[in-house]
C-alpha atoms as a PDB file:
ATOM      1  CA  UNK A   1     -21.575  24.460 -24.474  1.00  0.00           C
ATOM      2  CA  UNK A   2     -18.107  24.592 -25.989  1.00  0.00           C
ATOM      3  CA  UNK A   3     -16.326  22.255 -28.343  1.00  0.00           C
ATOM      4  CA  UNK A   4     -13.108  21.364 -26.561  1.00  0.00           C
ATOM      5  CA  UNK A   5     -11.626  18.964 -29.129  1.00  0.00           C
ATOM      6  CA  UNK A   6     -12.132  17.953 -32.745  1.00  0.00           C
ATOM      7  CA  UNK A   7     -10.308  14.948 -34.192  1.00  0.00           C
ATOM      8  CA  UNK A   8     -10.341  14.407 -37.943  1.00  0.00           C
ATOM      9  CA  UNK A   9      -9.878  11.033 -39.612  1.00  0.00           C
ATOM     10  CA  UNK A  10      -9.226  11.545 -43.322  1.00  0.00           C
ATOM     11  CA  UNK A  11     -11.020   9.141 -45.655  1.00  0.00           C
ATOM     12  CA  UNK A  12      -9.080   7.490 -48.412  1.00  0.00           C
ATOM     13  CA  UNK A  13     -10.620   5.489 -51.199  1.00  0.00           C
ATOM     14  CA  UNK A  14     -13.015   5.622 -54.108  1.00  0.00           C
ATOM     15  CA  UNK A  15     -15.809   7.591 -52.434  1.00  0.00           C
ATOM     16  CA  UNK A  16     -15.121  11.074 -53.693  1.00  0.00           C
ATOM     17  CA  UNK A  17     -17.876  12.793 -51.697  1.00  0.00           C
ATOM     18  CA  UNK A  18     -16.972  11.550 -48.211  1.00  0.00           C
ATOM     19  CA  UNK A  19     -13.766  13.351 -47.231  1.00  0.00           C
ATOM     20  CA  UNK A  20     -13.367  12.571 -43.525  1.00  0.00           C
ATOM     21  CA  UNK A  21     -14.923  11.504 -40.252  1.00  0.00           C
ATOM     22  CA  UNK A  22     -14.786  13.699 -37.155  1.00  0.00           C
ATOM     23  CA  UNK A  23     -15.014  13.050 -33.445  1.00  0.00           C
ATOM     24  CA  UNK A  24     -16.154  16.092 -31.464  1.00  0.00           C
ATOM     25  CA  UNK A  25     -15.778  16.523 -27.694  1.00  0.00           C
ATOM     26  CA  UNK A  26     -18.065  18.948 -25.859  1.00  0.00           C
ATOM     27  CA  UNK A  27     -16.937  20.559 -22.572  1.00  0.00           C
ATOM     28  CA  UNK A  28     -14.405  17.736 -22.043  1.00  0.00           C
ATOM     29  CA  UNK A  29     -17.348  15.548 -20.979  1.00  0.00           C
ATOM     30  CA  UNK A  30     -19.356  14.341 -23.998  1.00  0.00           C
ATOM     31  CA  UNK A  31     -18.177  12.844 -27.323  1.00  0.00           C
ATOM     32  CA  UNK A  32     -19.991  12.483 -30.648  1.00  0.00           C
ATOM     33  CA  UNK A  33     -18.318  10.174 -33.199  1.00  0.00           C
ATOM     34  CA  UNK A  34     -18.901   9.544 -36.911  1.00  0.00           C
ATOM     35  CA  UNK A  35     -19.667  13.104 -37.921  1.00  0.00           C
ATOM     36  CA  UNK A  36     -18.995  13.173 -41.676  1.00  0.00           C
ATOM     37  CA  UNK A  37     -17.278  15.832 -43.773  1.00  0.00           C
ATOM     38  CA  UNK A  38     -18.878  15.639 -47.219  1.00  0.00           C
ATOM     39  CA  UNK A  39     -18.188  17.416 -50.502  1.00  0.00           C
ATOM     40  CA  UNK A  40     -21.551  18.645 -51.761  1.00  0.00           C
ATOM     41  CA  UNK A  41     -22.566  20.651 -54.812  1.00  0.00           C
ATOM     42  CA  UNK A  42     -22.092  23.899 -52.865  1.00  0.00           C
ATOM     43  CA  UNK A  43     -18.865  22.902 -51.097  1.00  0.00           C
ATOM     44  CA  UNK A  44     -17.986  21.066 -47.900  1.00  0.00           C
ATOM     45  CA  UNK A  45     -20.589  20.427 -45.226  1.00  0.00           C
ATOM     46  CA  UNK A  46     -20.953  18.413 -42.048  1.00  0.00           C
ATOM     47  CA  UNK A  47     -23.426  15.517 -41.713  1.00  0.00           C
ATOM     48  CA  UNK A  48     -24.348  14.280 -38.274  1.00  0.00           C
ATOM     49  CA  UNK A  49     -24.105  10.572 -37.361  1.00  0.00           C
ATOM     50  CA  UNK A  50     -27.108   8.602 -38.569  1.00  0.00           C
ATOM     51  CA  UNK A  51     -28.473   5.110 -38.978  1.00  0.00           C
ATOM     52  CA  UNK A  52     -30.514   3.481 -41.713  1.00  0.00           C
ATOM     53  CA  UNK A  53     -34.239   3.281 -41.155  1.00  0.00           C
ATOM     54  CA  UNK A  54     -35.860  -0.156 -41.091  1.00  0.00           C
ATOM     55  CA  UNK A  55     -39.242  -1.514 -42.104  1.00  0.00           C
ATOM     56  CA  UNK A  56     -41.002  -4.731 -41.140  1.00  0.00           C
ATOM     57  CA  UNK A  57     -41.372  -7.715 -43.456  1.00  0.00           C
ATOM     58  CA  UNK A  58     -45.077  -8.212 -44.191  1.00  0.00           C
ATOM     59  CA  UNK A  59     -44.688 -11.982 -43.714  1.00  0.00           C
ATOM     60  CA  UNK A  60     -42.522 -12.407 -40.584  1.00  0.00           C
ATOM     61  CA  UNK A  61     -42.183  -8.842 -39.178  1.00  0.00           C
ATOM     62  CA  UNK A  62     -38.357  -8.960 -39.310  1.00  0.00           C
ATOM     63  CA  UNK A  63     -36.858  -5.455 -39.473  1.00  0.00           C
ATOM     64  CA  UNK A  64     -35.081  -4.926 -42.815  1.00  0.00           C
ATOM     65  CA  UNK A  65     -33.307  -1.851 -44.163  1.00  0.00           C
ATOM     66  CA  UNK A  66     -35.672   0.457 -46.071  1.00  0.00           C
ATOM     67  CA  UNK A  67     -35.735  -0.353 -49.834  1.00  0.00           C
ATOM     68  CA  UNK A  68     -34.719  -4.006 -49.297  1.00  0.00           C
ATOM     69  CA  UNK A  69     -36.104  -6.246 -52.037  1.00  0.00           C
ATOM     70  CA  UNK A  70     -36.154  -9.403 -49.913  1.00  0.00           C
ATOM     71  CA  UNK A  71     -36.445 -10.142 -46.209  1.00  0.00           C
ATOM     72  CA  UNK A  72     -33.130 -11.077 -44.571  1.00  0.00           C
ATOM     73  CA  UNK A  73     -34.969 -13.474 -42.262  1.00  0.00           C
ATOM     74  CA  UNK A  74     -37.549 -15.411 -44.320  1.00  0.00           C
ATOM     75  CA  UNK A  75     -36.567 -14.467 -47.892  1.00  0.00           C
ATOM     76  CA  UNK A  76     -40.027 -13.169 -48.815  1.00  0.00           C
ATOM     77  CA  UNK A  77     -40.194 -10.422 -51.402  1.00  0.00           C
ATOM     78  CA  UNK A  78     -40.782  -6.950 -50.009  1.00  0.00           C
ATOM     79  CA  UNK A  79     -42.908  -4.712 -52.175  1.00  0.00           C
ATOM     80  CA  UNK A  80     -41.268  -1.344 -52.747  1.00  0.00           C
ATOM     81  CA  UNK A  81     -43.357   1.758 -52.980  1.00  0.00           C
ATOM     82  CA  UNK A  82     -43.129   2.783 -56.613  1.00  0.00           C
ATOM     83  CA  UNK A  83     -42.939   6.532 -56.783  1.00  0.00           C
ATOM     84  CA  UNK A  84     -41.533   8.064 -59.952  1.00  0.00           C
ATOM     85  CA  UNK A  85     -38.421  10.116 -59.269  1.00  0.00           C
ATOM     86  CA  UNK A  86     -38.115  13.115 -61.536  1.00  0.00           C
ATOM     87  CA  UNK A  87     -34.603  14.408 -60.942  1.00  0.00           C
ATOM     88  CA  UNK A  88     -31.392  13.891 -58.967  1.00  0.00           C
ATOM     89  CA  UNK A  89     -32.499  16.214 -56.158  1.00  0.00           C
ATOM     90  CA  UNK A  90     -35.609  14.148 -55.519  1.00  0.00           C
ATOM     91  CA  UNK A  91     -33.544  10.928 -55.596  1.00  0.00           C
ATOM     92  CA  UNK A  92     -31.085  12.418 -53.081  1.00  0.00           C
ATOM     93  CA  UNK A  93     -33.964  13.490 -50.845  1.00  0.00           C
ATOM     94  CA  UNK A  94     -35.447   9.979 -51.025  1.00  0.00           C
ATOM     95  CA  UNK A  95     -32.110   8.424 -50.036  1.00  0.00           C
ATOM     96  CA  UNK A  96     -31.668  10.954 -47.239  1.00  0.00           C
ATOM     97  CA  UNK A  97     -35.080  10.083 -45.799  1.00  0.00           C
ATOM     98  CA  UNK A  98     -33.838   6.495 -45.380  1.00  0.00           C
ATOM     99  CA  UNK A  99     -31.492   7.703 -42.636  1.00  0.00           C
ATOM    100  CA  UNK A 100     -32.274   9.148 -39.222  1.00  0.00           C
ATOM    101  CA  UNK A 101     -29.837  11.292 -37.239  1.00  0.00           C
ATOM    102  CA  UNK A 102     -28.619   9.728 -34.009  1.00  0.00           C
ATOM    103  CA  UNK A 103     -27.525  13.087 -32.601  1.00  0.00           C
ATOM    104  CA  UNK A 104     -28.011  16.548 -34.027  1.00  0.00           C
ATOM    105  CA  UNK A 105     -28.044  20.221 -32.990  1.00  0.00           C
ATOM    106  CA  UNK A 106     -31.455  21.768 -32.447  1.00  0.00           C
ATOM    107  CA  UNK A 107     -30.618  25.372 -33.289  1.00  0.00           C
ATOM    108  CA  UNK A 108     -29.172  26.749 -36.506  1.00  0.00           C
ATOM    109  CA  UNK A 109     -26.572  28.693 -34.523  1.00  0.00           C
ATOM    110  CA  UNK A 110     -25.233  25.557 -32.843  1.00  0.00           C
ATOM    111  CA  UNK A 111     -25.234  23.645 -36.155  1.00  0.00           C
ATOM    112  CA  UNK A 112     -23.157  26.457 -37.712  1.00  0.00           C
ATOM    113  CA  UNK A 113     -20.812  26.431 -34.684  1.00  0.00           C
ATOM    114  CA  UNK A 114     -20.208  22.682 -35.034  1.00  0.00           C
ATOM    115  CA  UNK A 115     -19.756  22.955 -38.798  1.00  0.00           C
ATOM    116  CA  UNK A 116     -17.223  25.809 -38.482  1.00  0.00           C
ATOM    117  CA  UNK A 117     -15.160  23.975 -35.847  1.00  0.00           C
ATOM    118  CA  UNK A 118     -15.169  20.677 -37.781  1.00  0.00           C
ATOM    119  CA  UNK A 119     -14.349  22.288 -41.148  1.00  0.00           C
ATOM    120  CA  UNK A 120     -11.563  24.371 -39.572  1.00  0.00           C
ATOM    121  CA  UNK A 121     -10.060  21.180 -38.098  1.00  0.00           C
ATOM    122  CA  UNK A 122     -10.503  19.452 -41.474  1.00  0.00           C
ATOM    123  CA  UNK A 123      -8.600  22.271 -43.244  1.00  0.00           C
ATOM    124  CA  UNK A 124      -5.793  22.036 -40.676  1.00  0.00           C
ATOM    125  CA  UNK A 125      -5.562  18.245 -41.074  1.00  0.00           C
ATOM    126  CA  UNK A 126      -5.645  18.526 -44.876  1.00  0.00           C
ATOM    127  CA  UNK A 127      -2.743  21.031 -44.849  1.00  0.00           C
ATOM    128  CA  UNK A 128      -0.760  18.735 -42.552  1.00  0.00           C
ATOM    129  CA  UNK A 129      -0.945  15.965 -45.148  1.00  0.00           C
ATOM    130  CA  UNK A 130      -0.902  12.204 -44.672  1.00  0.00           C
ATOM    131  CA  UNK A 131       0.797  11.016 -41.521  1.00  0.00           C
ATOM    132  CA  UNK A 132       3.594   8.491 -41.936  1.00  0.00           C
ATOM    133  CA  UNK A 133       2.709   4.891 -41.134  1.00  0.00           C
ATOM    134  CA  UNK A 134       4.512   3.740 -37.976  1.00  0.00           C
ATOM    135  CA  UNK A 135       7.177   1.059 -38.484  1.00  0.00           C
ATOM    136  CA  UNK A 136       5.237  -1.481 -36.371  1.00  0.00           C
ATOM    137  CA  UNK A 137       2.159  -1.080 -38.583  1.00  0.00           C
ATOM    138  CA  UNK A 138       4.269  -1.570 -41.734  1.00  0.00           C
ATOM    139  CA  UNK A 139       5.691  -4.802 -40.283  1.00  0.00           C
ATOM    140  CA  UNK A 140       2.183  -6.097 -39.480  1.00  0.00           C
ATOM    141  CA  UNK A 141       1.001  -5.380 -43.048  1.00  0.00           C
ATOM    142  CA  UNK A 142       3.991  -7.257 -44.510  1.00  0.00           C
ATOM    143  CA  UNK A 143       3.267 -10.282 -42.288  1.00  0.00           C
ATOM    144  CA  UNK A 144      -0.283 -10.608 -43.614  1.00  0.00           C
END
């Protein structure tokens, strides 16, 4: 399976860790969106698209995001599991376990292949710099 296209969408804003989103096309037939380029402690890495895990309200069984304090349906308090967190690594691991990958490579070799292609495209896009805003988009912003 070959990666036939990588599109990078640079992230602007306050979040200093999230640098960009990528859309990767495989064999001109399959697309994966929302792959993240993140600045970690050891440099840039690629995170696959994921979604937040949910847990049921004990009162009404409504599915709420993990670590919610109150149910979004009935308003009942949701008891959080109190586990002492010793350091930042454990806190990061706890937050990471709240998300589940939607799509991900199974082998280390394919993960490295995706990461290399996405980071190479990210470097190219970063060197290119910000693209100018088209005149039509500027006019729309002024109207609002």
